[in-house]
C-alpha atoms as a PDB file:
ATOM      1  CA  MET A   1      -9.226 -15.592  16.434  1.00  0.00           C
ATOM      2  CA  ILE A   2      -7.340 -12.474  17.595  1.00  0.00           C
ATOM      3  CA  ALA A   3      -5.300 -12.288  14.381  1.00  0.00           C
ATOM      4  CA  ALA A   4      -8.548 -12.365  12.367  1.00  0.00           C
ATOM      5  CA  MET A   5      -9.780  -9.334  14.325  1.00  0.00           C
ATOM      6  CA  PHE A   6      -6.817  -7.192  13.300  1.00  0.00           C
ATOM      7  CA  ARG A   7      -6.927  -7.624   9.539  1.00  0.00           C
ATOM      8  CA  LEU A   8      -8.054  -5.797   6.464  1.00  0.00           C
ATOM      9  CA  CYS A   9     -11.025  -7.532   4.850  1.00  0.00           C
ATOM     10  CA  ASP A  10     -11.465  -4.985   2.046  1.00  0.00           C
ATOM     11  CA  VAL A  11      -9.376  -2.332   0.296  1.00  0.00           C
ATOM     12  CA  SER A  12     -10.906   0.083  -2.170  1.00  0.00           C
ATOM     13  CA  LEU A  13      -9.526   2.944  -4.252  1.00  0.00           C
ATOM     14  CA  ASP A  14     -11.502   5.996  -5.263  1.00  0.00           C
ATOM     15  CA  GLY A  15     -11.512   7.127  -8.890  1.00  0.00           C
ATOM     16  CA  SER A  16      -8.480   9.400  -8.459  1.00  0.00           C
ATOM     17  CA  LEU A  17      -6.327   6.372  -7.642  1.00  0.00           C
ATOM     18  CA  CYS A  18      -7.689   3.879 -10.169  1.00  0.00           C
ATOM     19  CA  GLY A  19      -5.347   2.767 -12.923  1.00  0.00           C
ATOM     20  CA  ARG A  20      -5.615   4.586 -16.190  1.00  0.00           C
ATOM     21  CA  ASN A  21      -4.519   1.611 -18.261  1.00  0.00           C
ATOM     22  CA  LEU A  22      -4.982  -2.144 -18.082  1.00  0.00           C
ATOM     23  CA  HIS A  23      -1.426  -2.813 -16.909  1.00  0.00           C
ATOM     24  CA  LEU A  24      -1.741  -0.408 -13.969  1.00  0.00           C
ATOM     25  CA  GLN A  25      -5.185  -1.766 -13.084  1.00  0.00           C
ATOM     26  CA  ARG A  26      -3.760  -5.299 -13.030  1.00  0.00           C
ATOM     27  CA  GLU A  27      -0.828  -4.227 -10.842  1.00  0.00           C
ATOM     28  CA  GLN A  28      -3.208  -2.489  -8.413  1.00  0.00           C
ATOM     29  CA  ALA A  29      -5.435  -5.582  -8.221  1.00  0.00           C
ATOM     30  CA  ILE A  30      -2.419  -7.798  -7.494  1.00  0.00           C
ATOM     31  CA  ALA A  31      -1.166  -5.411  -4.794  1.00  0.00           C
ATOM     32  CA  ILE A  32      -4.597  -5.306  -3.135  1.00  0.00           C
ATOM     33  CA  ASP A  33      -4.921  -9.108  -3.263  1.00  0.00           C
ATOM     34  CA  ASP A  34      -1.472  -9.496  -1.680  1.00  0.00           C
ATOM     35  CA  LEU A  35      -2.336  -6.937   0.993  1.00  0.00           C
ATOM     36  CA  LEU A  36      -5.589  -8.698   1.841  1.00  0.00           C
ATOM     37  CA  GLU A  37      -3.923 -12.101   2.012  1.00  0.00           C
ATOM     38  CA  TYR A  38      -0.891 -11.130   4.115  1.00  0.00           C
ATOM     39  CA  ASN A  39      -1.687  -8.415   6.614  1.00  0.00           C
ATOM     40  CA  THR A  40      -2.105  -7.418  10.196  1.00  0.00           C
ATOM     41  CA  PHE A  41      -3.732  -4.025  10.605  1.00  0.00           C
ATOM     42  CA  VAL A  42      -4.108  -2.438  14.029  1.00  0.00           C
ATOM     43  CA  PRO A  43      -5.777   0.976  14.389  1.00  0.00           C
ATOM     44  CA  LEU A  44      -4.355   2.163  17.698  1.00  0.00           C
ATOM     45  CA  GLY A  45      -6.873   2.228  20.519  1.00  0.00           C
ATOM     46  CA  HIS A  46      -9.482   0.167  18.670  1.00  0.00           C
ATOM     47  CA  GLU A  47     -10.691  -3.210  19.949  1.00  0.00           C
ATOM     48  CA  GLY A  48     -10.652  -5.015  16.617  1.00  0.00           C
ATOM     49  CA  GLY A  49     -12.121  -5.463  13.184  1.00  0.00           C
ATOM     50  CA  PRO A  50     -11.818  -6.813  10.598  1.00  0.00           C
ATOM     51  CA  TYR A  51     -11.426  -3.503   8.820  1.00  0.00           C
ATOM     52  CA  ARG A  52     -12.245  -1.885   5.513  1.00  0.00           C
ATOM     53  CA  LEU A  53      -9.700   0.554   4.085  1.00  0.00           C
ATOM     54  CA  SER A  54     -10.750   3.112   1.511  1.00  0.00           C
ATOM     55  CA  LEU A  55      -8.014   5.206  -0.097  1.00  0.00           C
ATOM     56  CA  SER A  56      -8.509   8.561  -1.792  1.00  0.00           C
ATOM     57  CA  LEU A  57      -6.556  11.652  -2.781  1.00  0.00           C
ATOM     58  CA  THR A  58      -7.318  15.004  -1.184  1.00  0.00           C
ATOM     59  CA  ASP A  59      -5.104  17.885  -2.301  1.00  0.00           C
ATOM     60  CA  ALA A  60      -1.524  16.695  -1.612  1.00  0.00           C
ATOM     61  CA  ASP A  61      -2.593  14.024   0.875  1.00  0.00           C
ATOM     62  CA  LEU A  62      -3.515  10.371   0.746  1.00  0.00           C
ATOM     63  CA  ALA A  63      -6.633   9.849   2.847  1.00  0.00           C
ATOM     64  CA  LEU A  64      -7.032   6.496   4.577  1.00  0.00           C
ATOM     65  CA  HIS A  65     -10.624   5.988   5.663  1.00  0.00           C
ATOM     66  CA  ILE A  66     -10.797   3.052   8.073  1.00  0.00           C
ATOM     67  CA  SER A  67     -14.051   1.431   9.123  1.00  0.00           C
ATOM     68  CA  THR A  68     -15.137  -1.901  10.543  1.00  0.00           C
ATOM     69  CA  ALA A  69     -16.415  -4.637   8.240  1.00  0.00           C
ATOM     70  CA  GLN A  70     -19.929  -3.516   9.187  1.00  0.00           C
ATOM     71  CA  GLY A  71     -19.175   0.070   8.094  1.00  0.00           C
ATOM     72  CA  ALA A  72     -18.702   1.802  11.462  1.00  0.00           C
ATOM     73  CA  HIS A  73     -16.152   4.626  11.179  1.00  0.00           C
ATOM     74  CA  VAL A  74     -12.908   3.959  13.072  1.00  0.00           C
ATOM     75  CA  VAL A  75     -10.511   6.693  11.953  1.00  0.00           C
ATOM     76  CA  THR A  76      -9.504   8.769   8.962  1.00  0.00           C
ATOM     77  CA  HIS A  77      -5.805   9.388   8.626  1.00  0.00           C
ATOM     78  CA  TYR A  78      -4.151  11.764   6.149  1.00  0.00           C
ATOM     79  CA  VAL A  79      -0.647  11.106   4.853  1.00  0.00           C
ATOM     80  CA  SER A  80       1.215  13.943   3.166  1.00  0.00           C
ATOM     81  CA  LEU A  81       2.475  12.857  -0.236  1.00  0.00           C
ATOM     82  CA  THR A  82       5.129  15.572  -0.284  1.00  0.00           C
ATOM     83  CA  SER A  83       7.688  13.310   1.364  1.00  0.00           C
ATOM     84  CA  PHE A  84       7.009  10.635  -1.284  1.00  0.00           C
ATOM     85  CA  HIS A  85       7.882  12.804  -4.326  1.00  0.00           C
ATOM     86  CA  ARG A  86      11.441  11.451  -4.635  1.00  0.00           C
ATOM     87  CA  ILE A  87      10.183   7.867  -4.340  1.00  0.00           C
ATOM     88  CA  PHE A  88       7.493   8.487  -6.989  1.00  0.00           C
ATOM     89  CA  LYS A  89      10.094   9.969  -9.323  1.00  0.00           C
ATOM     90  CA  ASP A  90      12.448   6.998  -8.802  1.00  0.00           C
ATOM     91  CA  TYR A  91       9.620   4.527  -9.357  1.00  0.00           C
ATOM     92  CA  PHE A  92       8.514   6.259 -12.559  1.00  0.00           C
ATOM     93  CA  LEU A  93      12.095   6.050 -13.899  1.00  0.00           C
ATOM     94  CA  ILE A  94      12.278   2.371 -12.957  1.00  0.00           C
ATOM     95  CA  CYS A  95       9.025   1.690 -14.825  1.00  0.00           C
ATOM     96  CA  GLN A  96      10.415   3.446 -17.890  1.00  0.00           C
ATOM     97  CA  SER A  97      13.604   1.366 -17.670  1.00  0.00           C
ATOM     98  CA  TYR A  98      11.600  -1.819 -17.295  1.00  0.00           C
ATOM     99  CA  ASN A  99       9.382  -1.031 -20.295  1.00  0.00           C
ATOM    100  CA  PHE A 100      12.486  -0.339 -22.385  1.00  0.00           C
ATOM    101  CA  ALA A 101      14.270  -3.465 -21.116  1.00  0.00           C
ATOM    102  CA  VAL A 102      11.305  -5.711 -21.913  1.00  0.00           C
ATOM    103  CA  THR A 103      11.604  -4.814 -25.597  1.00  0.00           C
ATOM    104  CA  ARG A 104      15.225  -5.998 -25.503  1.00  0.00           C
ATOM    105  CA  PRO A 105      15.174  -8.795 -22.930  1.00  0.00           C
ATOM    106  CA  HIS A 106      18.389  -9.279 -21.036  1.00  0.00           C
ATOM    107  CA  THR A 107      18.106 -11.316 -17.841  1.00  0.00           C
ATOM    108  CA  GLN A 108      20.740  -9.456 -15.842  1.00  0.00           C
ATOM    109  CA  ARG A 109      19.304  -6.055 -16.760  1.00  0.00           C
ATOM    110  CA  LEU A 110      15.772  -7.124 -15.797  1.00  0.00           C
ATOM    111  CA  GLU A 111      17.056  -8.576 -12.513  1.00  0.00           C
ATOM    112  CA  ALA A 112      18.869  -5.317 -11.701  1.00  0.00           C
ATOM    113  CA  ILE A 113      15.733  -3.298 -12.456  1.00  0.00           C
ATOM    114  CA  ASP A 114      13.652  -5.625 -10.286  1.00  0.00           C
ATOM    115  CA  MET A 115      16.124  -5.297  -7.394  1.00  0.00           C
ATOM    116  CA  ARG A 116      15.926  -1.500  -7.642  1.00  0.00           C
ATOM    117  CA  ARG A 117      12.114  -1.681  -7.801  1.00  0.00           C
ATOM    118  CA  ARG A 118      12.062  -3.761  -4.602  1.00  0.00           C
ATOM    119  CA  SER A 119      14.386  -1.271  -2.931  1.00  0.00           C
ATOM    120  CA  VAL A 120      12.059   1.612  -3.823  1.00  0.00           C
ATOM    121  CA  HIS A 121       9.059  -0.397  -2.574  1.00  0.00           C
ATOM    122  CA  ASP A 122      10.860  -1.031   0.717  1.00  0.00           C
ATOM    123  CA  SER A 123      11.696   2.677   1.111  1.00  0.00           C
ATOM    124  CA  ALA A 124       8.111   3.688   0.391  1.00  0.00           C
ATOM    125  CA  SER A 125       6.795   1.055   2.788  1.00  0.00           C
ATOM    126  CA  GLU A 126       9.027   2.259   5.611  1.00  0.00           C
ATOM    127  CA  LEU A 127       8.104   5.897   5.017  1.00  0.00           C
ATOM    128  CA  LEU A 128       4.406   5.002   4.982  1.00  0.00           C
ATOM    129  CA  ARG A 129       4.750   3.048   8.246  1.00  0.00           C
ATOM    130  CA  GLU A 130       6.412   6.072   9.858  1.00  0.00           C
ATOM    131  CA  GLN A 131       3.624   8.373   8.697  1.00  0.00           C
ATOM    132  CA  LEU A 132       0.890   5.972   9.833  1.00  0.00           C
ATOM    133  CA  ALA A 133       2.452   5.302  13.243  1.00  0.00           C
ATOM    134  CA  PRO A 134       0.336   7.852  15.149  1.00  0.00           C
ATOM    135  CA  GLN A 135      -2.889   6.084  14.125  1.00  0.00           C
ATOM    136  CA  VAL A 136      -2.265   2.621  12.651  1.00  0.00           C
ATOM    137  CA  THR A 137       0.219  -0.215  12.880  1.00  0.00           C
ATOM    138  CA  PRO A 138       0.249  -2.030   9.527  1.00  0.00           C
ATOM    139  CA  CYS A 139       2.130  -5.327   9.143  1.00  0.00           C
ATOM    140  CA  LEU A 140       2.430  -7.632   6.166  1.00  0.00           C
ATOM    141  CA  SER A 141       2.892 -10.941   7.919  1.00  0.00           C
ATOM    142  CA  ASN A 142       0.786 -13.150  10.094  1.00  0.00           C
ATOM    143  CA  ASP A 143       3.522 -13.744  12.665  1.00  0.00           C
ATOM    144  CA  VAL A 144       3.330 -10.292  14.269  1.00  0.00           C
ATOM    145  CA  SER A 145       2.162 -10.008  17.829  1.00  0.00           C
ATOM    146  CA  ILE A 146      -0.865  -7.806  18.351  1.00  0.00           C
ATOM    147  CA  PRO A 147      -0.177  -4.903  20.739  1.00  0.00           C
END
């Protein structure tokens, strides 16, 4: 019961974050589904959810609007995207490499690109956790103890 209280039940993206092509839209939908299935989400100082997370862009920040499942505001947290520029650049280059590699399939090359992609994801995830730490403790497994 306690784990169910500290979970995301909905994630939505505003228009500025929605994919501009079908491939990106599909990738976003998969990421949101994975996040909803495997998460623990603890806004610090709040007694429990489940929670709705709405993401939007404001200037150079990512705005995380957190509310309860019933719509009561919990917290809005802004994450500066400036520190993510290098990660975005790396990820864009990886996507270009992947798109090129797919036209000339070579298993080892695709595996190397996928390993680099995972490494960039891990770096971005850690940076995001650090930036969210003052307000939210996000976890992507069900075996995390609730503070």
